[in-house]
Amino acid sequence: MPEPAWVEHAVWWHVFPLGFLGAEKERLGAEGDVQHRLRRLAGWLDYLVELGASGLLLGPVFESSTHGYDTVDHLAIDRRLGDASDFDSLVGAAHERGVRVLLDGVFNHVGRDFGQFQDALRDGPESPAAQWFRLSWTGGDEPDYDHFEGHRSLVTLNHASPAVVDHVVEVMCHWLDRGADGWRLDAAYAVPATFWAAVLPRVRERHPDAYIVGEVLHGDYADYVAAAGLDSVTQYELWKSIWSSLNDRNFHELAWTVSRHDALLDTFVPLTFVGNHDVTRIASRLTTPEHLAYALVVLLTVAGTPCVYYGDEQGFHGVKEDRVGGDDAVRPVFPVDASELSDLGAPVLDLHRRLIALRRRHPWLHSARTTVEQVTNDVVVYVSRRGDDSMTVVLNVADTECTVPVADVVQVLEGAAVLARVGGAATATVAAHGWAVLSG
């Protein structure tokens, strides 16, 4: 089925709440008081709107043992963040501003403290709770069990279990009933597509306007979307191509990836990004700081539902490391309000605002088809089109200016270029290490 109509206008600001709000590293004990930190996040909604975004993509907010992805209770807000009334207030404040809210659903695995897992350990292999997991009872103190990517603290659910299907349907609908506008499905790539095919029709029967996007890293994106019944998946292939083509000064890689990206539109519109909670920040990934602008231009002028990870709009740096606590650098605490942010981020913030505004003024870009008109290692020219609308982009990382032919260009929308016409031929000249977005 087609994605909800409102998604065409969506630009997400992605926040990892446990980090953003400076929550404790581990779950609060039974005697610990609820910390109403979500109320502070509501204070950042005006910043989101001023950025130009129209949606808040929240990382995990449900009761968990540590980092949010080891869920203990899908139906309770993590007490380090607040309670259900804090969630309701946040969603209400967002909707008052026309801001949609997307939740992060971790349904591939749960934490060891998840109720049914503890019940299964206590009650044995024939218990109803044991059917929720893939357990191997071979003696010893507890069974062996399938877990997520080598992390024994993350217990894989049995997606063939009708009880698990029912549980996920009810969890998704519970929070949609409370005002959420959709779900990001964490580690969707690890879940059989048949599971989502069983879950999502039941969810959409009750919430037909919900937006459902799955986290998928590799493989056949279009095939998984069709088989699972998702609206979209994360576009990691484009993410990688953006920064590596700039670092290697190899726009042939970007041109190749854009052609593959364009083909996905036959099936769905991807969720696009240059940063998230699981990867090194774009400002740290790029070897040339000035190339940050190029990455943003691509993100906001090709098809997709764009997502900006909090802090990237301020030029934050952070390197993801493969160790315990290795995500902390890309999940930092934000201050109480925007007035406490450093002025050093102002130029990058301004660039984000301008390019997001460009995107919002041209919502047709959401599903535009992109054609690469010219490409060398150092220069790429592409045109994004839908119907009678079009936009031309020139990126030049060469040490010399470039002059390229352009058709039907009226004006420079962003960046800088000198437009000329000799007879019937139009050209655009872009300075060395420059870029331009042109109308037409």
Protein backbone atom coordinates (compact mmCIF):
# COMPACT_ATOMS: atom_id res chain seq x y z
CA MET A 1 0.00 0.00 0.00
CA PRO A 2 1.22 3.59 -0.58
CA GLU A 3 2.84 5.49 2.26
CA PRO A 4 0.68 8.04 4.13
CA ALA A 5 0.27 11.27 2.17
CA TRP A 6 1.74 13.40 4.97
CA VAL A 7 5.14 11.72 4.61
CA GLU A 8 5.86 13.66 1.41
CA HIS A 9 6.39 16.76 3.55
CA ALA A 10 8.30 15.07 6.37
CA VAL A 11 11.82 16.02 7.44
CA TRP A 12 12.82 14.26 10.66
CA TRP A 13 15.00 15.47 13.52
CA HIS A 14 16.33 12.25 15.10
CA VAL A 15 17.02 12.30 18.85
CA PHE A 16 18.42 9.55 21.07
CA PRO A 17 16.58 10.44 24.32
CA LEU A 18 18.68 8.52 26.86
CA GLY A 19 21.78 10.33 25.62
CA PHE A 20 20.21 13.68 24.73
CA LEU A 21 18.67 14.00 28.20
CA GLY A 22 21.66 12.69 30.16
CA ALA A 23 19.91 9.65 31.61
CA GLU A 24 21.60 7.14 33.91
CA LYS A 25 23.48 4.35 32.15
CA GLU A 26 21.46 1.62 33.84
CA ARG A 27 17.83 1.04 34.73
CA LEU A 28 16.62 2.65 37.94
CA GLY A 29 16.19 0.31 40.92
CA ALA A 30 12.81 -0.46 42.40
CA GLU A 31 13.16 2.43 44.84
CA GLY A 32 14.38 4.92 42.24
CA ASP A 33 12.16 7.91 41.56
CA VAL A 34 10.83 8.55 38.07
CA GLN A 35 12.95 11.17 36.33
CA HIS A 36 10.71 13.41 34.24
CA ARG A 37 13.30 14.22 31.60
CA LEU A 38 10.95 13.99 28.61
CA ARG A 39 9.52 17.32 29.74
CA ARG A 40 12.85 18.91 28.86
CA LEU A 41 12.76 17.41 25.38
CA ALA A 42 9.45 19.18 24.81
CA GLY A 43 11.37 22.41 25.26
CA TRP A 44 13.37 21.64 22.12
CA LEU A 45 10.36 21.42 19.81
CA ASP A 46 10.59 25.07 18.81
CA TYR A 47 14.25 24.50 17.90
CA LEU A 48 13.11 21.57 15.72
CA VAL A 49 10.56 23.80 13.97
CA GLU A 50 13.10 26.61 13.47
CA LEU A 51 15.48 24.07 11.96
CA GLY A 52 12.77 23.40 9.38
CA ALA A 53 11.98 19.84 10.43
CA SER A 54 8.43 18.59 10.66
CA GLY A 55 8.93 15.39 12.62
CA LEU A 56 10.62 14.08 15.76
CA LEU A 57 12.14 10.62 15.42
CA LEU A 58 12.70 9.31 18.94
CA GLY A 59 15.21 6.63 19.84
CA PRO A 60 14.09 4.07 22.46
CA VAL A 61 11.87 5.44 25.22
CA PHE A 62 10.56 2.20 26.75
CA GLU A 63 11.70 0.60 30.00
CA SER A 64 15.06 -1.06 29.40
CA SER A 65 18.07 -2.30 31.32
CA THR A 66 20.77 -0.07 29.83
CA HIS A 67 21.00 1.50 26.36
CA GLY A 68 17.35 1.30 25.37
CA TYR A 69 17.61 -1.67 23.02
CA ASP A 70 17.44 -4.26 25.83
CA THR A 71 13.74 -3.72 26.47
CA VAL A 72 12.16 -4.78 29.75
CA ASP A 73 8.60 -3.52 29.16
CA HIS A 74 7.28 -2.28 25.81
CA LEU A 75 4.22 -0.75 27.48
CA ALA A 76 6.04 1.45 30.00
CA ILE A 77 8.11 4.59 29.48
CA ASP A 78 11.66 4.20 30.79
CA ARG A 79 11.61 5.71 34.30
CA ARG A 80 14.93 7.40 33.54
CA LEU A 81 12.96 9.47 31.02
CA GLY A 82 9.58 9.87 32.68
CA ASP A 83 6.18 8.25 32.59
CA ALA A 84 3.17 7.93 30.33
CA SER A 85 1.89 11.39 31.18
CA ASP A 86 5.25 12.88 30.14
CA PHE A 87 4.98 11.01 26.85
CA ASP A 88 1.44 12.26 26.31
CA SER A 89 2.55 15.83 27.01
CA LEU A 90 5.46 15.55 24.56
CA VAL A 91 3.26 14.18 21.79
CA GLY A 92 0.61 16.78 22.49
CA ALA A 93 3.13 19.63 22.37
CA ALA A 94 4.55 18.24 19.12
CA HIS A 95 1.15 17.99 17.47
CA GLU A 96 0.29 21.54 18.54
CA ARG A 97 3.24 22.62 16.39
CA GLY A 98 2.35 20.37 13.48
CA VAL A 99 5.22 18.02 14.35
CA ARG A 100 4.82 14.26 13.82
CA VAL A 101 6.35 11.74 16.25
CA LEU A 102 8.00 8.48 15.19
CA LEU A 103 8.87 5.83 17.80
CA ASP A 104 11.72 3.31 17.81
CA GLY A 105 10.34 -0.22 18.17
CA VAL A 106 12.77 -2.95 19.21
CA PHE A 107 10.92 -6.13 18.25
CA ASN A 108 13.73 -8.40 17.12
CA HIS A 109 15.04 -8.92 20.64
CA VAL A 110 14.47 -7.98 24.26
CA GLY A 111 16.59 -7.69 27.39
CA ARG A 112 17.15 -10.55 29.80
CA ASP A 113 14.94 -8.80 32.36
CA PHE A 114 11.96 -8.90 29.98
CA GLY A 115 9.07 -10.49 31.88
CA GLN A 116 8.36 -13.43 29.61
CA PHE A 117 12.04 -14.38 29.45
CA GLN A 118 12.28 -14.48 33.22
CA ASP A 119 9.04 -16.50 33.32
CA ALA A 120 10.49 -18.96 30.80
CA LEU A 121 13.64 -19.44 32.90
CA ARG A 122 11.51 -20.07 35.99
CA ASP A 123 8.76 -22.22 34.50
CA GLY A 124 10.67 -24.35 32.01
CA PRO A 125 10.46 -25.49 28.39
CA GLU A 126 6.75 -26.35 28.35
CA SER A 127 5.61 -23.01 29.75
CA PRO A 128 3.72 -20.52 27.56
CA ALA A 129 6.50 -17.98 28.11
CA ALA A 130 9.10 -20.35 26.68
CA GLN A 131 7.32 -20.23 23.32
CA TRP A 132 8.26 -16.55 23.00
CA PHE A 133 11.95 -17.42 22.47
CA ARG A 134 14.22 -19.85 20.66
CA LEU A 135 15.57 -21.81 23.61
CA SER A 136 17.70 -24.93 23.81
CA TRP A 137 17.28 -26.85 27.07
CA THR A 138 20.44 -28.93 27.43
CA GLY A 139 20.87 -28.94 31.19
CA GLY A 140 22.70 -26.51 33.39
CA ASP A 141 21.36 -23.51 35.23
CA GLU A 142 19.50 -22.07 32.24
CA PRO A 143 18.87 -22.87 28.60
CA ASP A 144 20.94 -21.62 25.74
CA TYR A 145 19.10 -19.12 23.53
CA ASP A 146 19.35 -17.24 20.28
CA HIS A 147 20.63 -13.72 20.78
CA PHE A 148 21.34 -10.68 18.67
CA GLU A 149 24.71 -10.45 16.91
CA GLY A 150 26.72 -12.00 19.71
CA HIS A 151 25.16 -9.99 22.54
CA ARG A 152 23.78 -12.42 25.12
CA SER A 153 22.04 -9.54 26.89
CA LEU A 154 19.77 -9.24 23.83
CA VAL A 155 17.45 -12.24 23.66
CA THR A 156 15.99 -12.91 20.22
CA LEU A 157 12.23 -13.31 20.06
CA ASN A 158 10.62 -16.29 18.36
CA HIS A 159 8.92 -14.57 15.44
CA ALA A 160 7.04 -17.75 14.53
CA SER A 161 5.12 -17.55 17.80
CA PRO A 162 1.51 -16.29 17.52
CA ALA A 163 1.89 -14.81 21.01
CA VAL A 164 4.80 -12.65 19.82
CA VAL A 165 2.80 -11.51 16.78
CA ASP A 166 -0.11 -10.55 19.05
CA HIS A 167 2.20 -8.77 21.48
CA VAL A 168 3.87 -6.62 18.82
CA VAL A 169 0.51 -5.70 17.27
CA GLU A 170 -0.80 -4.58 20.65
CA VAL A 171 2.36 -2.63 21.53
CA MET A 172 2.39 -0.78 18.23
CA CYS A 173 -1.30 0.06 18.47
CA HIS A 174 -1.07 1.04 22.13
CA TRP A 175 1.38 3.86 21.41
CA LEU A 176 -0.32 4.84 18.16
CA ASP A 177 -3.53 5.12 20.21
CA ARG A 178 -1.64 7.51 22.50
CA GLY A 179 -0.73 9.76 19.59
CA ALA A 180 2.45 8.45 17.95
CA ASP A 181 2.43 8.81 14.16
CA GLY A 182 4.48 5.79 13.22
CA TRP A 183 7.33 3.42 13.97
CA ARG A 184 10.95 2.88 13.11
CA LEU A 185 11.49 -0.87 13.40
CA ASP A 186 14.93 -1.51 14.86
CA ALA A 187 16.98 -4.33 13.31
CA ALA A 188 14.15 -5.13 10.91
CA TYR A 189 16.73 -6.84 8.71
CA ALA A 190 17.08 -9.58 11.35
CA VAL A 191 13.35 -10.30 11.45
CA PRO A 192 11.67 -12.56 8.87
CA ALA A 193 9.61 -10.49 6.45
CA THR A 194 6.72 -12.89 7.04
CA PHE A 195 6.51 -11.65 10.63
CA TRP A 196 5.87 -8.07 9.56
CA ALA A 197 3.47 -9.33 6.90
CA ALA A 198 1.44 -10.83 9.74
CA VAL A 199 1.74 -7.84 12.08
CA LEU A 200 1.36 -4.76 9.92
CA PRO A 201 -2.05 -5.37 8.30
CA ARG A 202 -3.54 -5.68 11.77
CA VAL A 203 -1.84 -2.45 12.85
CA ARG A 204 -2.93 -0.57 9.73
CA GLU A 205 -6.50 -1.78 10.12
CA ARG A 206 -6.61 0.35 13.26
CA HIS A 207 -4.14 3.05 12.20
CA PRO A 208 -4.14 3.40 8.40
CA ASP A 209 -2.20 6.68 8.50
CA ALA A 210 0.77 5.31 10.46
CA TYR A 211 4.20 5.43 8.81
CA ILE A 212 6.29 2.26 9.23
CA VAL A 213 9.98 2.25 8.32
CA GLY A 214 12.39 -0.61 8.93
CA GLU A 215 16.09 -0.50 9.73
CA VAL A 216 17.75 -2.43 6.90
CA LEU A 217 21.48 -2.22 6.23
CA HIS A 218 22.20 -4.34 3.15
CA GLY A 219 20.51 -6.57 0.65
CA ASP A 220 17.54 -6.10 -1.64
CA TYR A 221 15.71 -3.16 -0.06
CA ALA A 222 12.79 -3.23 -2.48
CA ASP A 223 12.22 -6.97 -2.08
CA TYR A 224 12.16 -6.67 1.73
CA VAL A 225 9.75 -3.72 1.65
CA ALA A 226 7.38 -5.61 -0.63
CA ALA A 227 7.54 -8.87 1.30
CA ALA A 228 7.23 -7.26 4.74
CA GLY A 229 4.62 -4.65 3.81
CA LEU A 230 6.72 -1.73 5.10
CA ASP A 231 6.40 1.83 3.89
CA SER A 232 10.16 2.30 3.73
CA VAL A 233 13.60 1.23 4.92
CA THR A 234 16.78 3.08 5.88
CA GLN A 235 19.03 3.96 2.93
CA TYR A 236 22.46 2.93 4.19
CA GLU A 237 23.78 2.45 0.67
CA LEU A 238 23.30 6.15 -0.14
CA TRP A 239 24.70 7.17 3.27
CA LYS A 240 27.94 5.31 2.62
CA SER A 241 28.25 6.55 -0.93
CA ILE A 242 27.85 10.21 0.04
CA TRP A 243 30.78 10.34 2.44
CA SER A 244 33.07 7.87 0.68
CA SER A 245 32.69 9.50 -2.74
CA LEU A 246 33.67 12.83 -1.18
CA ASN A 247 36.59 11.39 0.78
CA ASP A 248 37.91 9.51 -2.25
CA ARG A 249 37.10 12.30 -4.73
CA ASN A 250 35.25 9.69 -6.76
CA PHE A 251 31.86 10.96 -7.88
CA HIS A 252 31.49 7.86 -10.07
CA GLU A 253 30.54 6.00 -6.88
CA LEU A 254 27.88 8.58 -6.08
CA ALA A 255 26.53 8.49 -9.65
CA TRP A 256 26.25 4.69 -9.52
CA THR A 257 24.51 4.77 -6.15
CA VAL A 258 22.09 7.50 -7.22
CA SER A 259 21.02 5.32 -10.14
CA ARG A 260 20.32 2.44 -7.74
CA HIS A 261 18.56 4.82 -5.36
CA ASP A 262 16.40 6.06 -8.22
CA ALA A 263 15.33 2.50 -9.06
CA LEU A 264 14.01 1.99 -5.53
CA LEU A 265 11.32 4.57 -6.22
CA ASP A 266 9.51 1.99 -8.34
CA THR A 267 8.65 0.30 -5.03
CA PHE A 268 9.04 2.82 -2.18
CA VAL A 269 10.66 6.08 -1.03
CA PRO A 270 13.66 5.41 1.27
CA LEU A 271 14.42 7.07 4.61
CA THR A 272 17.61 9.03 3.87
CA PHE A 273 20.26 10.36 6.26
CA VAL A 274 23.93 11.28 6.65
CA GLY A 275 24.04 10.47 10.37
CA ASN A 276 22.28 8.49 13.08
CA HIS A 277 22.82 7.01 16.55
CA ASP A 278 24.79 4.01 15.25
CA VAL A 279 27.43 5.62 13.03
CA THR A 280 30.34 8.04 13.21
CA ARG A 281 29.11 11.60 12.76
CA ILE A 282 29.33 13.03 9.26
CA ALA A 283 31.58 15.90 10.44
CA SER A 284 34.05 13.31 11.76
CA ARG A 285 33.68 10.94 8.84
CA LEU A 286 34.57 13.51 6.17
CA THR A 287 38.28 14.12 5.65
CA THR A 288 37.63 17.64 4.32
CA PRO A 289 35.38 19.68 6.63
CA GLU A 290 34.08 21.86 3.77
CA HIS A 291 32.52 18.80 2.18
CA LEU A 292 29.80 18.75 4.83
CA ALA A 293 27.82 21.12 2.62
CA TYR A 294 28.05 18.72 -0.33
CA ALA A 295 26.71 15.85 1.79
CA LEU A 296 23.74 17.95 2.87
CA VAL A 297 23.03 19.08 -0.66
CA VAL A 298 22.76 15.48 -1.84
CA LEU A 299 20.60 14.49 1.14
CA LEU A 300 18.14 17.30 0.48
CA THR A 301 17.98 17.32 -3.32
CA VAL A 302 17.46 13.64 -4.15
CA ALA A 303 14.37 11.57 -3.43
CA GLY A 304 13.77 10.29 0.08
CA THR A 305 12.36 11.18 3.47
CA PRO A 306 15.31 13.08 4.97
CA CYS A 307 16.41 12.66 8.56
CA VAL A 308 18.87 14.89 10.46
CA TYR A 309 20.53 13.41 13.56
CA TYR A 310 20.65 15.75 16.53
CA GLY A 311 23.95 17.59 16.80
CA ASP A 312 24.79 17.14 13.12
CA GLU A 313 23.00 20.43 12.46
CA GLN A 314 25.51 22.01 14.86
CA GLY A 315 28.55 20.39 13.27
CA PHE A 316 29.11 18.03 16.21
CA HIS A 317 31.94 15.52 15.94
CA GLY A 318 31.83 11.98 17.33
CA VAL A 319 33.42 8.66 16.44
CA LYS A 320 31.59 5.37 16.87
CA GLU A 321 33.84 2.69 18.38
CA ASP A 322 33.35 -1.08 18.50
CA ARG A 323 33.56 -1.53 22.26
CA VAL A 324 31.38 -1.29 25.35
CA GLY A 325 30.36 2.36 25.60
CA GLY A 326 31.54 2.95 22.05
CA ASP A 327 28.29 4.69 21.13
CA ASP A 328 28.56 7.36 23.81
CA ALA A 329 30.45 9.83 21.60
CA VAL A 330 27.60 9.87 19.06
CA ARG A 331 24.83 9.99 21.69
CA PRO A 332 25.79 13.08 23.70
CA VAL A 333 23.91 15.13 26.25
CA PHE A 334 22.30 18.29 24.92
CA PRO A 335 21.97 21.38 27.14
CA VAL A 336 18.76 22.48 28.83
CA ASP A 337 17.89 24.77 25.92
CA ALA A 338 19.33 26.07 22.65
CA SER A 339 20.70 29.25 24.21
CA GLU A 340 23.43 27.12 25.81
CA LEU A 341 24.73 25.76 22.49
CA SER A 342 28.07 27.11 21.30
CA ASP A 343 28.08 29.80 18.64
CA LEU A 344 30.66 27.67 16.79
CA GLY A 345 27.80 25.64 15.36
CA ALA A 346 25.97 28.65 13.91
CA PRO A 347 27.32 28.40 10.31
CA VAL A 348 26.42 24.70 10.03
CA LEU A 349 23.01 25.35 11.59
CA ASP A 350 22.37 28.12 9.07
CA LEU A 351 23.33 25.80 6.21
CA HIS A 352 20.93 23.15 7.46
CA ARG A 353 18.11 25.65 7.79
CA ARG A 354 18.62 26.98 4.26
CA LEU A 355 18.79 23.57 2.62
CA ILE A 356 15.89 22.14 4.62
CA ALA A 357 13.85 25.23 3.70
CA LEU A 358 14.73 24.57 0.05
CA ARG A 359 13.49 21.01 0.44
CA ARG A 360 10.28 22.08 2.18
CA ARG A 361 9.55 24.61 -0.60
CA HIS A 362 9.87 21.82 -3.16
CA PRO A 363 8.06 18.81 -1.64
CA TRP A 364 7.99 17.12 -5.04
CA LEU A 365 11.65 16.22 -4.38
CA HIS A 366 10.36 13.52 -2.03
CA SER A 367 9.78 11.17 -4.97
CA ALA A 368 11.76 12.96 -7.70
CA ARG A 369 13.68 10.93 -10.25
CA THR A 370 17.36 11.85 -10.47
CA THR A 371 19.49 11.61 -13.60
CA VAL A 372 23.26 12.13 -13.59
CA GLU A 373 24.03 14.37 -16.57
CA GLN A 374 27.80 14.61 -16.20
CA VAL A 375 30.35 12.92 -13.95
CA THR A 376 34.12 12.88 -13.46
CA ASN A 377 36.09 12.05 -10.35
CA ASP A 378 35.82 15.66 -9.20
CA VAL A 379 32.59 17.01 -10.73
CA VAL A 380 29.05 15.70 -10.83
CA VAL A 381 25.97 17.29 -12.34
CA TYR A 382 22.57 15.76 -11.72
CA VAL A 383 18.97 16.76 -12.28
CA SER A 384 16.08 15.80 -10.01
CA ARG A 385 12.68 15.88 -11.73
CA ARG A 386 9.03 15.16 -11.09
CA GLY A 387 6.49 16.13 -13.68
CA ASP A 388 7.16 19.69 -14.84
CA ASP A 389 9.41 20.46 -11.84
CA SER A 390 13.17 20.09 -11.93
CA MET A 391 16.31 21.10 -10.04
CA THR A 392 19.93 20.92 -11.21
CA VAL A 393 22.82 20.33 -8.81
CA VAL A 394 26.52 20.91 -9.54
CA LEU A 395 29.15 19.65 -7.10
CA ASN A 396 32.80 20.51 -7.78
CA VAL A 397 35.59 19.22 -5.51
CA ALA A 398 38.29 19.97 -8.08
CA ASP A 399 41.04 22.52 -7.55
CA THR A 400 39.83 24.48 -10.59
CA GLU A 401 36.48 25.95 -11.57
CA CYS A 402 34.19 23.98 -13.83
CA THR A 403 31.82 25.14 -16.55
CA VAL A 404 29.03 22.72 -17.37
CA PRO A 405 26.09 22.81 -19.77
CA VAL A 406 22.70 23.22 -18.13
CA ALA A 407 19.23 23.30 -19.60
CA ASP A 408 16.38 25.63 -18.70
CA VAL A 409 18.14 27.05 -15.64
CA VAL A 410 16.51 30.21 -14.33
CA GLN A 411 18.36 31.07 -11.13
CA VAL A 412 20.76 29.93 -8.42
CA LEU A 413 18.71 28.67 -5.47
CA GLU A 414 21.61 27.89 -3.12
CA GLY A 415 25.38 27.88 -3.36
CA ALA A 416 27.10 29.95 -6.02
CA ALA A 417 27.38 29.81 -9.81
CA VAL A 418 27.75 32.15 -12.75
CA LEU A 419 25.06 31.52 -15.35
CA ALA A 420 25.62 32.36 -18.97
CA ARG A 421 23.89 31.83 -22.28
CA VAL A 422 25.50 31.96 -25.69
CA GLY A 423 22.93 31.53 -28.38
CA GLY A 424 20.74 28.68 -27.29
CA ALA A 425 23.32 27.05 -25.02
CA ALA A 426 23.25 27.73 -21.26
CA THR A 427 26.16 27.07 -18.92
CA ALA A 428 26.89 27.29 -15.23
CA THR A 429 30.37 28.01 -13.90
CA VAL A 430 31.07 26.83 -10.36
CA ALA A 431 34.22 27.80 -8.49
CA ALA A 432 36.86 25.33 -7.36
CA HIS A 433 35.55 23.47 -4.31
CA GLY A 434 32.14 25.00 -4.89
CA TRP A 435 28.59 23.83 -5.37
CA ALA A 436 25.30 25.15 -6.63
CA VAL A 437 21.63 24.23 -6.64
CA LEU A 438 19.88 25.65 -9.68
CA SER A 439 16.23 25.93 -10.61
CA GLY A 440 15.37 24.02 -13.72
